[in-house]
Structures are given as C-alpha cells and as structure tokens.
C-alpha cells in the first residue's frame, strides 16, 4: 500500500480546486484561522489523478469521526496546536477528494495534564468519536489509553512516544518512534559523529518521556564505552534555574550536553549557558522541536543545536514542500515534527480504513478490530519516514528510524 506520496502529489491540484469548501462532508473548509484561501504550491506534481485514492465500490465508506487530544493551551501548546493544525490540513485534503471515505475532526485541549486528558477523551466519546488521534504527549496518553482499550477505540498517537503507551494495548499504534529508540539512536549518532565527546546529561526526572529516553541513552552509551562525565536532573518546579547543573557539567569537562527534554526548559538552559560563557554542543530529541518559536527566546543561541527528529521542513521532496507551503499559508509559521507526525497520522488512518474495508456505521469495536488487522499489513511512505516505508510491529511500534538535524541560520538542516 505504498500510495501515500502518490496521493500527496495528486492532491496538490485537487485541493487547489476545492479550497474553501465545508469539512466533514464531500466539501472542505479550512480551520477558522482567518487566512486567505490556499493555492497549490509550485512544487506540486503535474498529475491530476491519484492512483487508488478511493476505496473500492461497496467497501469503505461514510464519514468517520476522528478525535484529537493534545495541549492547545499551556506550556506544551506548541505541540498540540501543531498536531491540530496539520491534522485539519490532511482531513481537508482527503475530504476534497470527494471519495466515499470522509472525515470529521474534533479537537480537545488536555493542557498536557493526564486528568484533563481523560475528561477530554470522555467529551469526545460523548460527541461520537470513532477513532482517536492522540494523545500528543506521553503522560496524558498513559492516562487515556486504558479507557480506549476497554472501549475498543482505535488509537493512533502522533507523538506519544513512551514505550508504555503501546505495551499491552493492541488498539494503540504510534506514528513517532519510541523513547527507547530515541535514546538508543541518539547515543549511536553521537558515538559515530562525535566519538571523543565528553557528555553531560540534563533530564527531567519526574517526566516519563525524559526519564525513558535518558535510561536508554545511558544503556547504549555504556555498551559503546562512551564517556558520560556528568548527569543532572530537574523537576517541573525547578525548571527555571539550571546554573548548578551547567556549572557542574562545565567543571566535569563536558563538551556536549544531551537534553532529552522539551523545548521550554531547553531554551532556559541555552540562555543560562550563554550567560556564563559555556559553549558545549547541545544535542536534543524530538521534544525540543519548537525551540525556535519560544516567545522571548534569542533564537541565535540555538545555532549549532542538534535534534533527533524524523522531519525537516527544508527537505526538498515535493510532498514535504507542498505540506510546508500549505501550513505556512494557513498558519503563518513553519511546521514542526509534531505537525508532520499528525499529517502522516491522518493519512495512515485513511489508508488503514480503506485496507480494512470498513464503513462508518459500524460499531467502534468492529472498526477497531478491523483497523488493528489492517495495520499489520500497512506500508506507507510519509513525511516523517525519510523516503522509506513505515510499517508497524505487533506491539504497535513504527519501524522508521530517527535522523539528526542541526539548526543553522534559524532552520533545521541535515548535517
């Protein structure tokens, strides 16, 4: 089912014709962003037809209700907003095809809080949610997935990367790579490209995402005899002052600092390191994607920062450039990796629905079981798979590998 890039290319002209129509039916409507109608970017493929973009007659059909849960307000809002924006773009594109499979997208704010996420899930169920795109972050995901499992709601998380999110939950699949994969691959990349690095680690020990990546990074680093000269931790209540950790890392001779954390504390670390004249190489993971948009942060301090991420907005393939152009036209900013994961996620759901041959009038349990079976045979090339195929194992983990980018002139580029 390697149809994804073909669909994206053909959608360029199709969406240009349908821009401004109403979502949730055979017409589409852009989200209420007060932006101009979108035009097809110049990088689009010339083809006006997409191979196999519609389900065979008598098979998959109807309007499916997809729920999305993520932080739309609060300190992690950049992630949830990106997911909601990109998911809406993909939904609008699919609905613009006018095929028998249509989508309605409902969004709920969880403020990156587990209890709020459960309330959001219940609200979506009350509104008729059939498939869940969420949650966006790991800790809310861990709170929600037991409910989705019990109620047999097929769940595809774009960026909830904790290994425990999918463990033991046959209905939950990931678009992102797992924390264990991020930690392991980060250590491998650093060892291969900075073999003599003296490494410090600063991580958040009350956050499962950060702790999980740190644990797997350390395990891989030890297996490779890498030099970790210092480890420092922090918690939610102490993420505004890192002078002690930075001073200790500098005193230990660290010339590289590994940051398995989100972008908000990372921006503070970069600012405080600069103030004390400490200039190690910083290496982060996907949670740091968005650091260039932190309000009040001097983005010049992020120059030379490495990130492990499956998406680079400056990639030259037509699908990426069409998506980036559309996102910028609608929302006035460059999409991050979380946006790309969500965009891929909607298309993964779309392909799985067609492969499963389901209809929107089926029960959630019937839809869930059919999509689980379809995911085992799905093979998709998306924005976040670097030209390779995404497949899923029996646990719901995606097969793609992360890649590193470096920030140069305010842009993510491949080193």
Protein backbone atom coordinates (compact mmCIF):
# COMPACT_ATOMS: atom_id res chain seq x y z
CA UNK A 1 0.00 0.00 0.00
CA UNK A 2 2.74 2.43 -0.95
CA UNK A 3 0.23 5.06 -2.05
CA UNK A 4 0.88 7.94 0.32
CA UNK A 5 3.27 10.07 -1.72
CA UNK A 6 1.21 9.50 -4.86
CA UNK A 7 -1.84 10.77 -3.04
CA UNK A 8 0.03 13.82 -1.75
CA UNK A 9 1.27 14.75 -5.20
CA UNK A 10 -2.12 14.40 -6.82
CA UNK A 11 -3.86 16.26 -4.02
CA UNK A 12 -1.94 19.41 -4.90
CA UNK A 13 -4.19 20.27 -7.83
CA UNK A 14 -7.28 18.66 -6.33
CA UNK A 15 -7.12 20.71 -3.12
CA UNK A 16 -6.47 23.87 -5.13
CA UNK A 17 -9.83 23.30 -6.83
CA UNK A 18 -11.70 22.55 -3.59
CA UNK A 19 -10.18 25.16 -1.27
CA UNK A 20 -12.79 26.96 0.82
CA UNK A 21 -15.43 24.18 0.92
CA UNK A 22 -17.01 22.66 4.07
CA UNK A 23 -15.26 19.93 6.17
CA UNK A 24 -16.94 16.74 7.35
CA UNK A 25 -18.84 16.27 4.07
CA UNK A 26 -17.75 15.93 0.48
CA UNK A 27 -16.64 19.55 0.69
CA UNK A 28 -13.91 21.01 2.86
CA UNK A 29 -13.41 24.10 4.94
CA UNK A 30 -10.14 25.47 6.23
CA UNK A 31 -9.96 25.92 10.02
CA UNK A 32 -11.06 29.31 11.32
CA UNK A 33 -7.66 30.95 11.09
CA UNK A 34 -8.80 33.97 9.07
CA UNK A 35 -6.17 33.21 6.45
CA UNK A 36 -6.51 33.53 2.68
CA UNK A 37 -7.62 30.57 0.62
CA UNK A 38 -4.71 28.27 -0.15
CA UNK A 39 -3.26 27.94 -3.60
CA UNK A 40 -1.38 24.96 -4.94
CA UNK A 41 2.38 25.33 -4.34
CA UNK A 42 4.72 25.42 -7.29
CA UNK A 43 6.38 22.16 -6.25
CA UNK A 44 3.27 20.07 -6.83
CA UNK A 45 3.25 17.17 -9.23
CA UNK A 46 1.58 17.74 -12.59
CA UNK A 47 -0.70 14.73 -12.27
CA UNK A 48 -4.39 15.48 -11.68
CA UNK A 49 -5.38 11.98 -10.62
CA UNK A 50 -4.27 9.98 -7.60
CA UNK A 51 -3.91 6.23 -8.09
CA UNK A 52 -6.30 4.30 -5.87
CA UNK A 53 -7.34 7.23 -3.73
CA UNK A 54 -10.88 5.93 -3.36
CA UNK A 55 -11.98 2.74 -1.69
CA UNK A 56 -13.35 0.02 -3.99
CA UNK A 57 -17.10 0.20 -4.55
CA UNK A 58 -19.10 -1.43 -1.77
CA UNK A 59 -16.26 -1.33 0.71
CA UNK A 60 -15.02 1.52 2.93
CA UNK A 61 -17.43 4.46 3.04
CA UNK A 62 -19.02 7.05 5.26
CA UNK A 63 -17.95 9.97 7.41
CA UNK A 64 -15.67 8.81 10.23
CA UNK A 65 -15.36 10.92 13.37
CA UNK A 66 -11.75 11.34 14.47
CA UNK A 67 -10.99 12.82 17.86
CA UNK A 68 -7.73 14.60 18.64
CA UNK A 69 -6.47 15.23 22.19
CA UNK A 70 -3.46 17.42 22.94
CA UNK A 71 -2.23 20.56 24.70
CA UNK A 72 -3.80 23.53 22.93
CA UNK A 73 -3.01 25.86 25.83
CA UNK A 74 -0.26 25.93 28.44
CA UNK A 75 3.47 25.28 28.27
CA UNK A 76 3.26 22.46 25.71
CA UNK A 77 0.71 24.16 23.45
CA UNK A 78 3.12 24.35 20.54
CA UNK A 79 2.88 20.57 20.22
CA UNK A 80 -0.89 20.19 20.41
CA UNK A 81 -1.57 23.20 18.21
CA UNK A 82 0.78 21.85 15.55
CA UNK A 83 -0.96 18.48 15.64
CA UNK A 84 -4.44 20.03 15.39
CA UNK A 85 -3.41 22.32 12.53
CA UNK A 86 -1.73 19.64 10.46
CA UNK A 87 -4.46 17.09 11.09
CA UNK A 88 -7.01 19.59 9.79
CA UNK A 89 -4.96 20.12 6.63
CA UNK A 90 -4.90 16.37 5.97
CA UNK A 91 -8.61 16.00 6.71
CA UNK A 92 -9.44 18.85 4.33
CA UNK A 93 -7.32 17.28 1.60
CA UNK A 94 -8.96 13.88 1.96
CA UNK A 95 -12.46 15.33 2.06
CA UNK A 96 -11.66 17.40 -1.04
CA UNK A 97 -11.12 14.19 -2.98
CA UNK A 98 -14.86 13.64 -2.79
CA UNK A 99 -14.41 9.92 -2.26
CA UNK A 100 -16.63 7.60 -0.22
CA UNK A 101 -14.41 7.98 2.86
CA UNK A 102 -14.80 11.34 4.59
CA UNK A 103 -13.58 12.63 7.96
CA UNK A 104 -14.88 14.90 10.71
CA UNK A 105 -12.15 16.11 13.07
CA UNK A 106 -12.96 17.05 16.68
CA UNK A 107 -10.27 18.51 18.94
CA UNK A 108 -9.95 18.72 22.72
CA UNK A 109 -7.40 20.53 24.90
CA UNK A 110 -5.71 18.46 27.62
CA UNK A 111 -3.21 21.17 28.74
CA UNK A 112 -0.63 18.33 28.92
CA UNK A 113 -2.36 17.09 32.07
CA UNK A 114 -3.40 13.42 32.48
CA UNK A 115 -6.63 14.06 34.35
CA UNK A 116 -7.69 16.73 31.88
CA UNK A 117 -6.87 14.32 29.05
CA UNK A 118 -9.27 11.73 30.45
CA UNK A 119 -12.01 14.36 30.62
CA UNK A 120 -11.22 15.32 27.03
CA UNK A 121 -11.48 11.68 25.97
CA UNK A 122 -14.88 11.35 27.63
CA UNK A 123 -16.07 14.54 25.94
CA UNK A 124 -15.04 13.19 22.56
CA UNK A 125 -16.79 9.90 23.20
CA UNK A 126 -19.95 11.82 24.04
CA UNK A 127 -19.59 13.53 20.64
CA UNK A 128 -19.38 10.23 18.78
CA UNK A 129 -15.63 9.72 18.40
CA UNK A 130 -14.82 6.53 16.48
CA UNK A 131 -11.02 6.85 16.11
CA UNK A 132 -8.56 8.69 18.34
CA UNK A 133 -5.58 10.65 17.04
CA UNK A 134 -3.84 11.15 20.35
CA UNK A 135 -2.80 11.90 22.76
CA UNK A 136 0.01 14.24 21.76
CA UNK A 137 2.25 13.77 24.81
CA UNK A 138 3.18 10.67 26.78
CA UNK A 139 1.81 11.21 30.27
CA UNK A 140 -1.72 12.12 29.11
CA UNK A 141 -1.53 9.17 26.72
CA UNK A 142 -0.81 6.80 29.59
CA UNK A 143 -3.93 8.09 31.34
CA UNK A 144 -6.18 7.79 28.28
CA UNK A 145 -5.16 4.51 26.64
CA UNK A 146 -6.70 2.23 29.31
CA UNK A 147 -10.10 3.78 28.56
CA UNK A 148 -9.59 3.50 24.80
CA UNK A 149 -8.52 -0.12 25.25
CA UNK A 150 -11.56 -1.03 27.34
CA UNK A 151 -13.96 0.75 24.98
CA UNK A 152 -12.18 -0.56 21.86
CA UNK A 153 -11.39 2.77 20.26
CA UNK A 154 -8.66 2.51 17.65
CA UNK A 155 -5.89 4.88 18.74
CA UNK A 156 -3.01 6.32 16.74
CA UNK A 157 -0.77 8.69 18.68
CA UNK A 158 1.26 11.08 16.55
CA UNK A 159 3.84 11.82 19.22
CA UNK A 160 3.15 9.99 22.49
CA UNK A 161 6.47 8.20 22.36
CA UNK A 162 6.56 6.33 25.69
CA UNK A 163 7.12 2.61 25.29
CA UNK A 164 4.36 2.00 27.86
CA UNK A 165 1.84 3.81 25.66
CA UNK A 166 1.62 0.82 23.33
CA UNK A 167 2.71 -2.00 25.64
CA UNK A 168 -0.19 -4.38 26.23
CA UNK A 169 -2.61 -2.20 24.25
CA UNK A 170 -3.38 -3.92 20.96
CA UNK A 171 -5.51 -0.98 19.78
CA UNK A 172 -2.76 1.66 20.15
CA UNK A 173 -0.20 2.47 17.43
CA UNK A 174 2.47 5.16 17.17
CA UNK A 175 3.48 7.46 14.32
CA UNK A 176 6.52 8.62 16.29
CA UNK A 177 9.39 6.37 17.27
CA UNK A 178 9.51 5.17 20.87
CA UNK A 179 11.53 6.67 23.71
CA UNK A 180 13.76 3.62 23.72
CA UNK A 181 14.50 4.12 20.03
CA UNK A 182 15.24 7.82 20.55
CA UNK A 183 17.62 7.17 23.42
CA UNK A 184 19.43 4.38 21.64
CA UNK A 185 19.70 6.17 18.31
CA UNK A 186 20.89 9.39 19.96
CA UNK A 187 23.74 7.54 21.60
CA UNK A 188 24.59 5.80 18.33
CA UNK A 189 24.61 9.07 16.39
CA UNK A 190 26.80 10.86 18.92
CA UNK A 191 29.20 7.93 19.10
CA UNK A 192 29.52 7.77 15.33
CA UNK A 193 29.82 11.51 14.74
CA UNK A 194 31.39 12.78 17.98
CA UNK A 195 33.46 9.77 19.06
CA UNK A 196 35.52 11.67 21.64
CA UNK A 197 32.66 13.62 23.18
CA UNK A 198 32.68 14.21 26.92
CA UNK A 199 28.96 14.04 27.59
CA UNK A 200 26.77 15.58 30.26
CA UNK A 201 23.08 14.71 30.55
CA UNK A 202 20.42 17.01 31.97
CA UNK A 203 16.99 15.40 32.21
CA UNK A 204 13.65 15.81 33.96
CA UNK A 205 13.26 13.00 36.47
CA UNK A 206 9.53 13.49 37.11
CA UNK A 207 8.66 13.08 33.43
CA UNK A 208 8.41 9.60 31.94
CA UNK A 209 9.30 10.84 28.48
CA UNK A 210 12.57 12.39 29.63
CA UNK A 211 13.44 9.57 32.03
CA UNK A 212 12.77 6.89 29.44
CA UNK A 213 14.97 8.45 26.78
CA UNK A 214 17.73 9.07 29.34
CA UNK A 215 17.68 5.43 30.52
CA UNK A 216 18.03 4.02 27.01
CA UNK A 217 20.66 6.58 26.06
CA UNK A 218 22.79 5.63 29.06
CA UNK A 219 22.41 1.90 28.38
CA UNK A 220 23.54 2.31 24.77
CA UNK A 221 26.35 4.71 25.74
CA UNK A 222 27.68 2.25 28.28
CA UNK A 223 27.60 -0.57 25.73
CA UNK A 224 29.72 1.60 23.44
CA UNK A 225 32.09 2.76 26.20
CA UNK A 226 31.11 6.39 25.64
CA UNK A 227 32.21 8.96 28.18
CA UNK A 228 29.40 10.36 30.35
CA UNK A 229 31.09 12.76 32.75
CA UNK A 230 28.04 14.22 34.49
CA UNK A 231 24.29 13.76 34.98
CA UNK A 232 21.99 16.41 36.38
CA UNK A 233 18.25 16.31 36.94
CA UNK A 234 15.39 18.72 37.48
CA UNK A 235 11.64 18.67 38.05
CA UNK A 236 8.65 20.72 36.99
CA UNK A 237 9.06 23.06 39.96
CA UNK A 238 12.76 23.69 39.32
CA UNK A 239 12.92 24.15 35.55
CA UNK A 240 13.72 27.86 35.63
CA UNK A 241 17.25 27.71 37.05
CA UNK A 242 19.93 25.41 35.65
CA UNK A 243 23.04 27.23 36.82
CA UNK A 244 24.03 24.46 39.23
CA UNK A 245 23.70 21.74 36.57
CA UNK A 246 25.55 23.78 33.96
CA UNK A 247 28.35 24.70 36.36
CA UNK A 248 28.78 21.05 37.32
CA UNK A 249 28.80 19.94 33.68
CA UNK A 250 31.38 22.55 32.80
CA UNK A 251 33.57 21.59 35.77
CA UNK A 252 33.38 17.93 34.70
CA UNK A 253 34.77 18.88 31.29
CA UNK A 254 31.61 18.18 29.29
CA UNK A 255 31.86 19.46 25.72
CA UNK A 256 28.46 18.02 24.76
CA UNK A 257 25.20 18.16 26.70
CA UNK A 258 22.47 15.66 25.89
CA UNK A 259 18.99 17.08 26.59
CA UNK A 260 16.16 14.50 26.49
CA UNK A 261 13.64 17.21 27.39
CA UNK A 262 11.05 19.58 25.95
CA UNK A 263 11.84 22.91 24.35
CA UNK A 264 10.78 25.23 27.19
CA UNK A 265 13.41 24.17 29.75
CA UNK A 266 15.88 23.67 26.90
CA UNK A 267 15.55 27.35 25.96
CA UNK A 268 16.34 28.30 29.56
CA UNK A 269 19.40 26.04 29.57
CA UNK A 270 20.74 27.57 26.36
CA UNK A 271 20.16 31.08 27.68
CA UNK A 272 21.87 30.43 31.01
CA UNK A 273 24.78 28.56 29.42
CA UNK A 274 25.38 31.55 27.15
CA UNK A 275 25.28 33.94 30.12
CA UNK A 276 28.05 32.01 31.86
CA UNK A 277 30.16 31.69 28.71
CA UNK A 278 29.73 27.93 28.47
CA UNK A 279 29.53 26.73 24.84
CA UNK A 280 29.21 22.96 24.60
CA UNK A 281 27.45 21.25 21.71
CA UNK A 282 23.82 20.63 22.64
CA UNK A 283 22.04 17.53 21.40
CA UNK A 284 18.29 17.17 21.88
CA UNK A 285 15.41 14.92 20.87
CA UNK A 286 12.00 15.46 19.29
CA UNK A 287 10.64 17.28 22.34
CA UNK A 288 13.00 20.16 21.58
CA UNK A 289 11.41 20.69 18.18
CA UNK A 290 9.77 24.09 18.56
CA UNK A 291 12.61 25.81 20.37
CA UNK A 292 12.83 28.39 17.58
CA UNK A 293 9.32 29.59 18.37
CA UNK A 294 9.67 30.12 22.14
CA UNK A 295 8.43 33.61 22.99
CA UNK A 296 11.23 35.86 24.20
CA UNK A 297 13.99 33.35 23.39
CA UNK A 298 17.04 34.57 21.46
CA UNK A 299 16.99 32.02 18.65
CA UNK A 300 20.61 32.79 17.75
CA UNK A 301 21.51 30.78 20.87
CA UNK A 302 20.13 27.67 19.18
CA UNK A 303 22.64 27.84 16.33
CA UNK A 304 24.51 24.55 16.13
CA UNK A 305 22.00 22.65 18.28
CA UNK A 306 21.41 19.06 17.10
CA UNK A 307 18.00 17.40 17.27
CA UNK A 308 16.97 13.83 16.65
CA UNK A 309 13.81 14.15 14.58
CA UNK A 310 12.16 12.34 11.65
CA UNK A 311 11.16 15.54 9.85
CA UNK A 312 12.97 18.51 8.37
CA UNK A 313 10.94 21.33 6.86
CA UNK A 314 13.76 22.12 4.44
CA UNK A 315 13.66 18.67 2.83
CA UNK A 316 13.45 19.01 -0.94
CA UNK A 317 10.92 16.29 -1.78
CA UNK A 318 7.67 17.54 -3.30
CA UNK A 319 5.41 16.14 -0.58
CA UNK A 320 7.28 17.94 2.20
CA UNK A 321 7.47 21.22 0.33
CA UNK A 322 3.76 21.12 -0.54
CA UNK A 323 2.89 20.48 3.10
CA UNK A 324 5.21 23.20 4.40
CA UNK A 325 3.81 25.71 1.92
CA UNK A 326 0.22 24.88 2.84
CA UNK A 327 0.96 25.06 6.57
CA UNK A 328 2.71 28.40 6.23
CA UNK A 329 -0.12 29.81 4.11
CA UNK A 330 -2.73 28.81 6.68
CA UNK A 331 -0.95 29.39 9.96
CA UNK A 332 1.92 31.75 9.22
CA UNK A 333 4.74 29.56 10.53
CA UNK A 334 6.95 26.63 9.60
CA UNK A 335 5.51 23.27 10.71
CA UNK A 336 7.46 21.23 13.23
CA UNK A 337 7.89 17.49 13.53
CA UNK A 338 4.71 17.14 15.60
CA UNK A 339 2.73 18.66 12.74
CA UNK A 340 4.29 16.27 10.26
CA UNK A 341 3.55 13.28 12.52
CA UNK A 342 -0.10 14.32 12.74
CA UNK A 343 -0.38 14.87 8.99
CA UNK A 344 1.04 11.40 8.42
CA UNK A 345 -1.28 10.08 11.10
CA UNK A 346 -4.45 11.15 9.31
CA UNK A 347 -3.25 9.55 6.09
CA UNK A 348 -2.30 6.37 7.95
CA UNK A 349 -5.85 6.20 9.32
CA UNK A 350 -7.21 6.86 5.82
CA UNK A 351 -5.16 4.07 4.28
CA UNK A 352 -5.99 1.66 7.10
CA UNK A 353 -9.71 2.34 6.70
CA UNK A 354 -9.55 1.55 3.01
CA UNK A 355 -7.45 -1.56 3.59
CA UNK A 356 -9.89 -2.75 6.25
CA UNK A 357 -12.98 -2.25 4.10
CA UNK A 358 -14.99 -0.71 6.93
CA UNK A 359 -17.97 1.62 6.94
CA UNK A 360 -18.72 4.48 9.30
CA UNK A 361 -21.92 2.87 10.57
CA UNK A 362 -20.01 0.01 12.21
CA UNK A 363 -19.53 -0.11 15.96
CA UNK A 364 -16.33 1.22 17.49
CA UNK A 365 -15.31 -2.33 18.36
CA UNK A 366 -15.81 -3.52 14.78
CA UNK A 367 -13.87 -0.55 13.43
CA UNK A 368 -11.09 -1.05 15.96
CA UNK A 369 -10.62 -4.75 15.28
CA UNK A 370 -10.61 -4.24 11.52
CA UNK A 371 -8.06 -1.42 11.70
CA UNK A 372 -5.78 -3.43 14.01
CA UNK A 373 -5.75 -6.22 11.41
CA UNK A 374 -5.09 -3.74 8.59
CA UNK A 375 -2.16 -2.08 10.36
CA UNK A 376 -0.22 -5.34 10.35
CA UNK A 377 -0.05 -5.22 6.56
CA UNK A 378 0.18 -1.48 6.01
CA UNK A 379 3.23 0.03 4.35
CA UNK A 380 3.27 3.81 3.89
CA UNK A 381 5.78 6.42 2.81
CA UNK A 382 5.07 9.66 4.65
CA UNK A 383 6.62 12.99 5.51
CA UNK A 384 8.32 11.52 8.58
CA UNK A 385 9.78 8.37 7.05
CA UNK A 386 12.64 9.95 5.08
CA UNK A 387 11.57 8.25 1.86
CA UNK A 388 11.40 4.78 3.38
CA UNK A 389 8.32 2.75 4.26
CA UNK A 390 6.61 2.93 7.62
CA UNK A 391 5.39 -0.41 8.93
CA UNK A 392 4.16 -1.47 12.37
CA UNK A 393 5.05 -4.44 14.53
CA UNK A 394 2.65 -6.49 16.61
CA UNK A 395 3.08 -4.08 19.54
CA UNK A 396 2.09 -1.01 17.51
CA UNK A 397 5.59 0.47 17.21
CA UNK A 398 6.52 2.09 13.91
CA UNK A 399 9.60 0.82 12.10
CA UNK A 400 11.08 4.13 10.92
CA UNK A 401 14.36 5.42 12.31
CA UNK A 402 15.03 8.95 13.53
CA UNK A 403 17.60 11.16 11.86
CA UNK A 404 19.56 14.13 13.13
CA UNK A 405 19.22 17.74 12.02
CA UNK A 406 21.20 20.76 13.09
CA UNK A 407 19.95 24.34 13.45
CA UNK A 408 21.71 26.69 11.02
CA UNK A 409 20.55 30.23 10.30
CA UNK A 410 17.34 29.57 12.15
CA UNK A 411 16.46 26.49 10.10
CA UNK A 412 16.72 22.75 10.59
CA UNK A 413 19.15 21.25 8.08
CA UNK A 414 20.59 17.81 7.57
CA UNK A 415 24.22 17.76 8.75
